[in-house]
Amino acid sequence: HQRSARRGGPFLAINCVALPETLVESELFGYERGAFTGAHGAKLGLMEAADKGTLFLDEIGDLPLSLQGKLLTAIERKTVRRLGSVRDRKVDPWLLAATNRNLETLIREGKFRADLYYRLRVVHLDLPPLRERAGDIPLLAEHFLRLHGTRYGKPAKKLTPEALAALQDYPWPGNVRELSHAIEQAVLWCRTENLSAVDFAWPGRPTMRSPEASGNPDEAIRTLLREGLSSAEIEKRLLQQALESSGQNISQAARLLGMTRDILRYRMEKYGIAAG
């Protein structure tokens, strides 16, 4: 988008799997006042809002079958009709679509329209999973180190050769998103400048070291037990450490602990931990 003649136009995105079917339709095509309960005013859809720009349809393979025909019509005719309207509106967005599903398989199973697939498949890029391009991991890792370091106001960190080798050996079933999350956690937890392999956690590996630990997570737990702490006291200390590491940001602390904000707030209240 940024390198095209449309760079002056909007770049918008929608995740087709993140919203229920009724919301996907209203997000894409918009609606008029009174179209449904709660529609107190007209709303522009993304197809209209991205006019003369670019619209990214993420996880297109999960777009409900009932909406695929309407999307195809909009693409072919370059018009949209808002929910509750009888008037077509001209639109001209560029469309980008991505999916981690095999659309040809979905077509055979009757879950994706062949005509929409071939209409979208003008320029096709097949991005292999991260496990098949381990050579990209150093560049991606450096990018995420800078991104999350800046995001959380943390000092610049570096990967040790051991850490980089561990990242390249892991199969990354969650692909780039999982790599980003792993580095985000490591940036938040680690107090030293260099990230080693022990600072990363994924299924089948130990959890990350705590700041009090010598580098061995099991030793950290044994240290806490030797202090005579109960499981409740250990959990309380873990919550406090996560809040400290995230600058008292509850959303970031919850992400670090792998729980929701509501669960974290409940446990904070349970242990008498004040926010901020």
C-alpha atoms as a PDB file:
ATOM      1  CA  HIS A   1       0.000   0.000   0.000  1.00  0.00           C
ATOM      2  CA  GLN A   2       2.723   2.453   0.998  1.00  0.00           C
ATOM      3  CA  ARG A   3       4.588   1.877  -2.267  1.00  0.00           C
ATOM      4  CA  SER A   4       1.530   2.158  -4.509  1.00  0.00           C
ATOM      5  CA  ALA A   5      -0.268   5.049  -6.108  1.00  0.00           C
ATOM      6  CA  ARG A   6      -2.874   4.656  -3.350  1.00  0.00           C
ATOM      7  CA  ARG A   7      -0.517   5.449  -0.498  1.00  0.00           C
ATOM      8  CA  GLY A   8      -2.397   8.692   0.072  1.00  0.00           C
ATOM      9  CA  GLY A   9      -5.607   6.760   0.697  1.00  0.00           C
ATOM     10  CA  PRO A  10      -6.658   4.822   3.781  1.00  0.00           C
ATOM     11  CA  PHE A  11      -5.373   1.369   4.720  1.00  0.00           C
ATOM     12  CA  LEU A  12      -8.028  -0.514   6.697  1.00  0.00           C
ATOM     13  CA  ALA A  13      -8.249  -4.090   7.933  1.00  0.00           C
ATOM     14  CA  ILE A  14     -10.810  -6.537   9.256  1.00  0.00           C
ATOM     15  CA  ASN A  15     -10.267  -9.952  10.832  1.00  0.00           C
ATOM     16  CA  CYS A  16     -13.026 -12.154   9.438  1.00  0.00           C
ATOM     17  CA  VAL A  17     -12.783 -14.687  12.254  1.00  0.00           C
ATOM     18  CA  ALA A  18     -12.738 -12.235  15.168  1.00  0.00           C
ATOM     19  CA  LEU A  19     -16.333 -11.051  14.775  1.00  0.00           C
ATOM     20  CA  PRO A  20     -19.682 -12.878  14.620  1.00  0.00           C
ATOM     21  CA  GLU A  21     -21.331 -13.145  11.219  1.00  0.00           C
ATOM     22  CA  THR A  22     -23.800 -10.291  11.766  1.00  0.00           C
ATOM     23  CA  LEU A  23     -21.027  -7.907  12.810  1.00  0.00           C
ATOM     24  CA  VAL A  24     -18.765  -8.884   9.918  1.00  0.00           C
ATOM     25  CA  GLU A  25     -21.511  -7.950   7.483  1.00  0.00           C
ATOM     26  CA  SER A  26     -22.195  -4.575   9.089  1.00  0.00           C
ATOM     27  CA  GLU A  27     -18.455  -3.838   9.405  1.00  0.00           C
ATOM     28  CA  LEU A  28     -17.840  -4.608   5.730  1.00  0.00           C
ATOM     29  CA  PHE A  29     -20.922  -3.033   4.169  1.00  0.00           C
ATOM     30  CA  GLY A  30     -22.197  -0.571   6.771  1.00  0.00           C
ATOM     31  CA  TYR A  31     -25.790   0.048   7.788  1.00  0.00           C
ATOM     32  CA  GLU A  32     -28.506   2.681   7.826  1.00  0.00           C
ATOM     33  CA  ARG A  33     -30.283   4.079  10.829  1.00  0.00           C
ATOM     34  CA  GLY A  34     -32.962   1.684  12.023  1.00  0.00           C
ATOM     35  CA  ALA A  35     -31.539  -1.281  10.092  1.00  0.00           C
ATOM     36  CA  PHE A  36     -31.629  -3.327  13.311  1.00  0.00           C
ATOM     37  CA  THR A  37     -32.089  -2.835  17.030  1.00  0.00           C
ATOM     38  CA  GLY A  38     -29.440  -0.455  18.285  1.00  0.00           C
ATOM     39  CA  ALA A  39     -28.714   1.100  14.901  1.00  0.00           C
ATOM     40  CA  HIS A  40     -29.369   4.668  16.062  1.00  0.00           C
ATOM     41  CA  GLY A  41     -27.446   6.203  13.182  1.00  0.00           C
ATOM     42  CA  ALA A  42     -25.940   5.322   9.815  1.00  0.00           C
ATOM     43  CA  LYS A  43     -22.482   3.756   9.768  1.00  0.00           C
ATOM     44  CA  LEU A  44     -19.963   3.654   6.952  1.00  0.00           C
ATOM     45  CA  GLY A  45     -18.744   0.149   6.078  1.00  0.00           C
ATOM     46  CA  LEU A  46     -15.076  -0.669   5.519  1.00  0.00           C
ATOM     47  CA  MET A  47     -15.626  -1.204   1.792  1.00  0.00           C
ATOM     48  CA  GLU A  48     -16.777   2.419   1.554  1.00  0.00           C
ATOM     49  CA  ALA A  49     -14.258   3.774   4.052  1.00  0.00           C
ATOM     50  CA  ALA A  50     -11.380   2.213   2.087  1.00  0.00           C
ATOM     51  CA  ASP A  51     -12.484   3.842  -1.187  1.00  0.00           C
ATOM     52  CA  LYS A  52      -9.403   4.856  -3.222  1.00  0.00           C
ATOM     53  CA  GLY A  53      -7.296   3.048  -0.617  1.00  0.00           C
ATOM     54  CA  THR A  54      -6.695  -0.549   0.478  1.00  0.00           C
ATOM     55  CA  LEU A  55      -8.789  -2.983   2.531  1.00  0.00           C
ATOM     56  CA  PHE A  56      -7.077  -5.990   4.108  1.00  0.00           C
ATOM     57  CA  LEU A  57      -9.329  -9.017   4.682  1.00  0.00           C
ATOM     58  CA  ASP A  58      -7.472 -11.107   7.229  1.00  0.00           C
ATOM     59  CA  GLU A  59      -8.464 -14.778   7.700  1.00  0.00           C
ATOM     60  CA  ILE A  60     -10.624 -14.678   4.565  1.00  0.00           C
ATOM     61  CA  GLY A  61     -10.982 -18.462   4.780  1.00  0.00           C
ATOM     62  CA  ASP A  62     -13.215 -17.991   7.827  1.00  0.00           C
ATOM     63  CA  LEU A  63     -15.581 -15.537   6.155  1.00  0.00           C
ATOM     64  CA  PRO A  64     -19.100 -16.992   6.520  1.00  0.00           C
ATOM     65  CA  LEU A  65     -20.304 -18.661   3.334  1.00  0.00           C
ATOM     66  CA  SER A  66     -23.480 -16.562   3.437  1.00  0.00           C
ATOM     67  CA  LEU A  67     -21.408 -13.372   3.054  1.00  0.00           C
ATOM     68  CA  GLN A  68     -19.045 -14.612   0.362  1.00  0.00           C
ATOM     69  CA  GLY A  69     -21.581 -14.038  -2.405  1.00  0.00           C
ATOM     70  CA  LYS A  70     -22.251 -10.484  -1.229  1.00  0.00           C
ATOM     71  CA  LEU A  71     -18.517  -9.764  -1.139  1.00  0.00           C
ATOM     72  CA  LEU A  72     -18.087 -11.198  -4.639  1.00  0.00           C
ATOM     73  CA  THR A  73     -20.902  -8.989  -5.930  1.00  0.00           C
ATOM     74  CA  ALA A  74     -19.312  -5.925  -4.340  1.00  0.00           C
ATOM     75  CA  ILE A  75     -15.970  -6.744  -5.947  1.00  0.00           C
ATOM     76  CA  GLU A  76     -17.439  -7.416  -9.386  1.00  0.00           C
ATOM     77  CA  ARG A  77     -19.774  -4.419  -9.500  1.00  0.00           C
ATOM     78  CA  LYS A  78     -17.672  -2.076  -7.349  1.00  0.00           C
ATOM     79  CA  THR A  79     -20.763  -1.191  -5.372  1.00  0.00           C
ATOM     80  CA  VAL A  80     -22.039  -1.900  -1.863  1.00  0.00           C
ATOM     81  CA  ARG A  81     -25.478  -1.734  -0.332  1.00  0.00           C
ATOM     82  CA  ARG A  82     -25.625  -0.944   3.358  1.00  0.00           C
ATOM     83  CA  LEU A  83     -27.855  -2.994   5.635  1.00  0.00           C
ATOM     84  CA  GLY A  84     -31.309  -1.442   5.626  1.00  0.00           C
ATOM     85  CA  SER A  85     -30.677   0.515   2.402  1.00  0.00           C
ATOM     86  CA  VAL A  86     -32.120   0.198  -1.087  1.00  0.00           C
ATOM     87  CA  ARG A  87     -29.373   2.254  -2.758  1.00  0.00           C
ATOM     88  CA  ASP A  88     -26.071   0.999  -4.119  1.00  0.00           C
ATOM     89  CA  ARG A  89     -22.966   3.079  -3.510  1.00  0.00           C
ATOM     90  CA  LYS A  90     -19.891   3.133  -5.731  1.00  0.00           C
ATOM     91  CA  VAL A  91     -16.679   1.937  -4.079  1.00  0.00           C
ATOM     92  CA  ASP A  92     -13.167   1.370  -5.376  1.00  0.00           C
ATOM     93  CA  PRO A  93     -10.880  -0.174  -2.747  1.00  0.00           C
ATOM     94  CA  TRP A  94      -7.917  -2.419  -3.458  1.00  0.00           C
ATOM     95  CA  LEU A  95      -8.399  -5.719  -1.685  1.00  0.00           C
ATOM     96  CA  LEU A  96      -5.724  -7.794   0.024  1.00  0.00           C
ATOM     97  CA  ALA A  97      -6.694 -11.119   1.575  1.00  0.00           C
ATOM     98  CA  ALA A  98      -4.817 -13.574   3.754  1.00  0.00           C
ATOM     99  CA  THR A  99      -5.568 -16.925   5.334  1.00  0.00           C
ATOM    100  CA  ASN A 100      -3.770 -19.787   7.040  1.00  0.00           C
ATOM    101  CA  ARG A 101      -6.288 -22.280   5.681  1.00  0.00           C
ATOM    102  CA  ASN A 102      -6.165 -24.220   2.420  1.00  0.00           C
ATOM    103  CA  LEU A 103      -8.870 -22.550   0.342  1.00  0.00           C
ATOM    104  CA  GLU A 104      -8.818 -25.205  -2.371  1.00  0.00           C
ATOM    105  CA  THR A 105      -9.644 -27.805   0.283  1.00  0.00           C
ATOM    106  CA  LEU A 106     -12.446 -25.595   1.605  1.00  0.00           C
ATOM    107  CA  ILE A 107     -13.821 -25.279  -1.933  1.00  0.00           C
ATOM    108  CA  ARG A 108     -13.956 -29.073  -2.268  1.00  0.00           C
ATOM    109  CA  GLU A 109     -15.721 -29.257   1.092  1.00  0.00           C
ATOM    110  CA  GLY A 110     -18.273 -26.650  -0.004  1.00  0.00           C
ATOM    111  CA  LYS A 111     -17.109 -24.120   2.594  1.00  0.00           C
ATOM    112  CA  PHE A 112     -15.631 -21.504   0.268  1.00  0.00           C
ATOM    113  CA  ARG A 113     -16.908 -20.222  -3.068  1.00  0.00           C
ATOM    114  CA  ALA A 114     -14.709 -21.074  -6.034  1.00  0.00           C
ATOM    115  CA  ASP A 115     -15.755 -17.919  -7.914  1.00  0.00           C
ATOM    116  CA  LEU A 116     -14.694 -15.703  -5.017  1.00  0.00           C
ATOM    117  CA  TYR A 117     -11.408 -17.596  -4.693  1.00  0.00           C
ATOM    118  CA  TYR A 118     -10.491 -17.078  -8.348  1.00  0.00           C
ATOM    119  CA  ARG A 119     -11.630 -13.445  -8.232  1.00  0.00           C
ATOM    120  CA  LEU A 120      -9.300 -12.752  -5.306  1.00  0.00           C
ATOM    121  CA  ARG A 121      -6.423 -14.863  -6.620  1.00  0.00           C
ATOM    122  CA  VAL A 122      -5.031 -12.290  -9.034  1.00  0.00           C
ATOM    123  CA  VAL A 123      -1.605 -12.032  -7.418  1.00  0.00           C
ATOM    124  CA  HIS A 124      -0.915 -14.999  -5.153  1.00  0.00           C
ATOM    125  CA  LEU A 125       1.842 -15.084  -2.532  1.00  0.00           C
ATOM    126  CA  ASP A 126       2.441 -18.315  -0.649  1.00  0.00           C
ATOM    127  CA  LEU A 127       4.227 -17.551   2.626  1.00  0.00           C
ATOM    128  CA  PRO A 128       5.750 -20.722   4.120  1.00  0.00           C
ATOM    129  CA  PRO A 129       5.321 -21.321   7.873  1.00  0.00           C
ATOM    130  CA  LEU A 130       8.023 -19.871  10.085  1.00  0.00           C
ATOM    131  CA  ARG A 131       9.473 -23.315  10.812  1.00  0.00           C
ATOM    132  CA  GLU A 132      10.427 -23.574   7.131  1.00  0.00           C
ATOM    133  CA  ARG A 133      12.269 -20.252   7.055  1.00  0.00           C
ATOM    134  CA  ALA A 134      14.406 -20.213  10.174  1.00  0.00           C
ATOM    135  CA  GLY A 135      16.736 -17.813   8.378  1.00  0.00           C
ATOM    136  CA  ASP A 136      14.103 -15.080   8.796  1.00  0.00           C
ATOM    137  CA  ILE A 137      14.020 -15.454  12.584  1.00  0.00           C
ATOM    138  CA  PRO A 138      17.079 -13.265  13.395  1.00  0.00           C
ATOM    139  CA  LEU A 139      15.615 -10.300  11.493  1.00  0.00           C
ATOM    140  CA  LEU A 140      12.134 -10.825  12.908  1.00  0.00           C
ATOM    141  CA  ALA A 141      13.509 -11.224  16.428  1.00  0.00           C
ATOM    142  CA  GLU A 142      15.483  -7.978  16.186  1.00  0.00           C
ATOM    143  CA  HIS A 143      12.377  -6.198  14.915  1.00  0.00           C
ATOM    144  CA  PHE A 144      10.239  -7.456  17.810  1.00  0.00           C
ATOM    145  CA  LEU A 145      12.955  -6.630  20.347  1.00  0.00           C
ATOM    146  CA  ARG A 146      12.905  -3.004  19.179  1.00  0.00           C
ATOM    147  CA  LEU A 147       9.108  -2.923  18.900  1.00  0.00           C
ATOM    148  CA  HIS A 148       8.337  -4.290  22.369  1.00  0.00           C
ATOM    149  CA  GLY A 149      11.256  -2.528  24.017  1.00  0.00           C
ATOM    150  CA  THR A 150       9.925   0.808  22.766  1.00  0.00           C
ATOM    151  CA  ARG A 151       6.345  -0.141  23.575  1.00  0.00           C
ATOM    152  CA  TYR A 152       7.104  -0.889  27.225  1.00  0.00           C
ATOM    153  CA  GLY A 153       9.888   1.638  27.715  1.00  0.00           C
ATOM    154  CA  LYS A 154      12.471  -1.082  28.371  1.00  0.00           C
ATOM    155  CA  PRO A 155      16.236  -0.749  27.775  1.00  0.00           C
ATOM    156  CA  ALA A 156      17.522  -2.208  24.505  1.00  0.00           C
ATOM    157  CA  LYS A 157      18.089  -5.944  24.757  1.00  0.00           C
ATOM    158  CA  LYS A 158      20.172  -8.382  22.743  1.00  0.00           C
ATOM    159  CA  LEU A 159      19.845 -12.091  22.005  1.00  0.00           C
ATOM    160  CA  THR A 160      22.688 -14.377  23.001  1.00  0.00           C
ATOM    161  CA  PRO A 161      23.819 -16.918  20.372  1.00  0.00           C
ATOM    162  CA  GLU A 162      22.251 -19.606  22.581  1.00  0.00           C
ATOM    163  CA  ALA A 163      18.903 -17.800  22.587  1.00  0.00           C
ATOM    164  CA  LEU A 164      18.948 -17.269  18.839  1.00  0.00           C
ATOM    165  CA  ALA A 165      19.735 -20.949  18.265  1.00  0.00           C
ATOM    166  CA  ALA A 166      16.822 -21.926  20.534  1.00  0.00           C
ATOM    167  CA  LEU A 167      14.461 -19.640  18.621  1.00  0.00           C
ATOM    168  CA  GLN A 168      15.577 -21.123  15.306  1.00  0.00           C
ATOM    169  CA  ASP A 169      15.194 -24.700  16.571  1.00  0.00           C
ATOM    170  CA  TYR A 170      11.623 -24.247  17.822  1.00  0.00           C
ATOM    171  CA  PRO A 171       8.895 -25.172  15.233  1.00  0.00           C
ATOM    172  CA  TRP A 172       6.646 -22.127  15.952  1.00  0.00           C
ATOM    173  CA  PRO A 173       3.173 -23.607  15.361  1.00  0.00           C
ATOM    174  CA  GLY A 174       1.778 -20.115  15.979  1.00  0.00           C
ATOM    175  CA  ASN A 175       4.129 -18.639  13.352  1.00  0.00           C
ATOM    176  CA  VAL A 176       5.196 -14.983  13.543  1.00  0.00           C
ATOM    177  CA  ARG A 177       2.479 -14.064  16.043  1.00  0.00           C
ATOM    178  CA  GLU A 178       3.821 -16.634  18.504  1.00  0.00           C
ATOM    179  CA  LEU A 179       7.394 -15.402  18.020  1.00  0.00           C
ATOM    180  CA  SER A 180       6.290 -11.841  18.719  1.00  0.00           C
ATOM    181  CA  HIS A 181       4.492 -12.917  21.890  1.00  0.00           C
ATOM    182  CA  ALA A 182       7.476 -14.932  23.134  1.00  0.00           C
ATOM    183  CA  ILE A 183       9.810 -11.966  22.680  1.00  0.00           C
ATOM    184  CA  GLU A 184       7.258  -9.623  24.265  1.00  0.00           C
ATOM    185  CA  GLN A 185       7.193 -11.814  27.393  1.00  0.00           C
ATOM    186  CA  ALA A 186      10.970 -12.057  27.498  1.00  0.00           C
ATOM    187  CA  VAL A 187      11.361  -8.271  27.194  1.00  0.00           C
ATOM    188  CA  LEU A 188       8.966  -7.764  30.099  1.00  0.00           C
ATOM    189  CA  TRP A 189      10.475 -10.404  32.415  1.00  0.00           C
ATOM    190  CA  CYS A 190      14.209 -10.167  31.836  1.00  0.00           C
ATOM    191  CA  ARG A 191      16.171  -7.657  33.924  1.00  0.00           C
ATOM    192  CA  THR A 192      19.496  -8.123  32.148  1.00  0.00           C
ATOM    193  CA  GLU A 193      20.655  -6.672  28.843  1.00  0.00           C
ATOM    194  CA  ASN A 194      21.106 -10.055  27.157  1.00  0.00           C
ATOM    195  CA  LEU A 195      18.282 -12.531  26.603  1.00  0.00           C
ATOM    196  CA  SER A 196      19.331 -16.163  26.924  1.00  0.00           C
ATOM    197  CA  ALA A 197      17.401 -19.315  26.025  1.00  0.00           C
ATOM    198  CA  VAL A 198      16.032 -19.610  29.557  1.00  0.00           C
ATOM    199  CA  ASP A 199      14.181 -16.312  29.098  1.00  0.00           C
ATOM    200  CA  PHE A 200      11.848 -17.881  26.548  1.00  0.00           C
ATOM    201  CA  ALA A 201       8.962 -20.242  27.188  1.00  0.00           C
ATOM    202  CA  TRP A 202       6.783 -22.344  24.917  1.00  0.00           C
ATOM    203  CA  PRO A 203       5.095 -25.746  25.161  1.00  0.00           C
ATOM    204  CA  GLY A 204       7.628 -28.379  26.192  1.00  0.00           C
ATOM    205  CA  ARG A 205      10.062 -25.858  27.695  1.00  0.00           C
ATOM    206  CA  PRO A 206      10.299 -24.506  31.252  1.00  0.00           C
ATOM    207  CA  THR A 207       8.726 -21.150  31.970  1.00  0.00           C
ATOM    208  CA  MET A 208      10.848 -18.018  31.902  1.00  0.00           C
ATOM    209  CA  ARG A 209      13.098 -17.208  34.799  1.00  0.00           C
ATOM    210  CA  SER A 210      11.868 -14.779  37.407  1.00  0.00           C
ATOM    211  CA  PRO A 211      13.985 -11.742  38.189  1.00  0.00           C
ATOM    212  CA  GLU A 212      14.905 -13.239  41.578  1.00  0.00           C
ATOM    213  CA  ALA A 213      16.073 -16.497  40.055  1.00  0.00           C
ATOM    214  CA  SER A 214      19.642 -17.359  39.210  1.00  0.00           C
ATOM    215  CA  GLY A 215      18.569 -18.410  35.717  1.00  0.00           C
ATOM    216  CA  ASN A 216      16.966 -21.764  36.635  1.00  0.00           C
ATOM    217  CA  PRO A 217      13.151 -21.592  37.027  1.00  0.00           C
ATOM    218  CA  ASP A 218      13.097 -24.758  39.158  1.00  0.00           C
ATOM    219  CA  GLU A 219      15.684 -23.252  41.489  1.00  0.00           C
ATOM    220  CA  ALA A 220      13.548 -20.119  41.819  1.00  0.00           C
ATOM    221  CA  ILE A 221      10.603 -22.234  42.967  1.00  0.00           C
ATOM    222  CA  ARG A 222      12.787 -24.153  45.426  1.00  0.00           C
ATOM    223  CA  THR A 223      14.063 -20.850  46.810  1.00  0.00           C
ATOM    224  CA  LEU A 224      10.524 -19.642  47.434  1.00  0.00           C
ATOM    225  CA  LEU A 225       9.597 -22.921  49.105  1.00  0.00           C
ATOM    226  CA  ARG A 226      12.674 -22.769  51.322  1.00  0.00           C
ATOM    227  CA  GLU A 227      11.432 -19.381  52.490  1.00  0.00           C
ATOM    228  CA  GLY A 228       8.350 -21.186  53.792  1.00  0.00           C
ATOM    229  CA  LEU A 229       5.941 -19.495  51.400  1.00  0.00           C
ATOM    230  CA  SER A 230       2.587 -21.118  50.733  1.00  0.00           C
ATOM    231  CA  SER A 231       1.227 -21.585  47.220  1.00  0.00           C
ATOM    232  CA  ALA A 232      -1.038 -18.574  47.788  1.00  0.00           C
ATOM    233  CA  GLU A 233       1.933 -16.416  48.841  1.00  0.00           C
ATOM    234  CA  ILE A 234       3.906 -17.595  45.806  1.00  0.00           C
ATOM    235  CA  GLU A 235       1.010 -16.692  43.511  1.00  0.00           C
ATOM    236  CA  LYS A 236       0.702 -13.281  45.177  1.00  0.00           C
ATOM    237  CA  ARG A 237       4.406 -12.609  44.675  1.00  0.00           C
ATOM    238  CA  LEU A 238       4.123 -13.658  41.022  1.00  0.00           C
ATOM    239  CA  LEU A 239       1.241 -11.241  40.476  1.00  0.00           C
ATOM    240  CA  GLN A 240       3.178  -8.436  42.146  1.00  0.00           C
ATOM    241  CA  GLN A 241       6.243  -9.146  40.022  1.00  0.00           C
ATOM    242  CA  ALA A 242       4.202  -9.135  36.813  1.00  0.00           C
ATOM    243  CA  LEU A 243       2.646  -5.798  37.747  1.00  0.00           C
ATOM    244  CA  GLU A 244       6.060  -4.358  38.578  1.00  0.00           C
ATOM    245  CA  SER A 245       7.565  -5.639  35.326  1.00  0.00           C
ATOM    246  CA  SER A 246       4.721  -4.106  33.321  1.00  0.00           C
ATOM    247  CA  GLY A 247       4.822  -0.731  35.055  1.00  0.00           C
ATOM    248  CA  GLN A 248       1.533  -1.425  36.892  1.00  0.00           C
ATOM    249  CA  ASN A 249      -0.284  -1.803  33.567  1.00  0.00           C
ATOM    250  CA  ILE A 250      -2.983  -4.409  34.183  1.00  0.00           C
ATOM    251  CA  SER A 251      -3.464  -5.308  30.520  1.00  0.00           C
ATOM    252  CA  GLN A 252       0.264  -5.888  30.026  1.00  0.00           C
ATOM    253  CA  ALA A 253       0.575  -7.813  33.304  1.00  0.00           C
ATOM    254  CA  ALA A 254      -2.361 -10.050  32.338  1.00  0.00           C
ATOM    255  CA  ARG A 255      -0.764 -10.736  28.944  1.00  0.00           C
ATOM    256  CA  LEU A 256       2.512 -11.549  30.668  1.00  0.00           C
ATOM    257  CA  LEU A 257       0.793 -14.022  33.004  1.00  0.00           C
ATOM    258  CA  GLY A 258      -1.302 -15.571  30.247  1.00  0.00           C
ATOM    259  CA  MET A 259      -4.644 -14.653  31.801  1.00  0.00           C
ATOM    260  CA  THR A 260      -7.472 -12.213  31.148  1.00  0.00           C
ATOM    261  CA  ARG A 261      -7.736  -8.773  32.733  1.00  0.00           C
ATOM    262  CA  ASP A 262     -10.821  -9.866  34.675  1.00  0.00           C
ATOM    263  CA  ILE A 263      -9.052 -12.885  36.166  1.00  0.00           C
ATOM    264  CA  LEU A 264      -6.041 -10.760  37.102  1.00  0.00           C
ATOM    265  CA  ARG A 265      -8.283  -8.146  38.758  1.00  0.00           C
ATOM    266  CA  TYR A 266     -10.082 -10.915  40.673  1.00  0.00           C
ATOM    267  CA  ARG A 267      -6.798 -12.333  41.970  1.00  0.00           C
ATOM    268  CA  MET A 268      -5.487  -8.879  42.827  1.00  0.00           C
ATOM    269  CA  GLU A 269      -8.604  -8.272  44.901  1.00  0.00           C
ATOM    270  CA  LYS A 270      -8.276 -11.743  46.449  1.00  0.00           C
ATOM    271  CA  TYR A 271      -4.740 -10.987  47.656  1.00  0.00           C
ATOM    272  CA  GLY A 272      -5.316  -7.335  48.487  1.00  0.00           C
ATOM    273  CA  ILE A 273      -3.013  -6.038  45.741  1.00  0.00           C
ATOM    274  CA  ALA A 274      -3.746  -2.427  44.841  1.00  0.00           C
ATOM    275  CA  ALA A 275      -3.455  -1.319  41.219  1.00  0.00           C
ATOM    276  CA  GLY A 276      -0.894   1.358  40.484  1.00  0.00           C
END
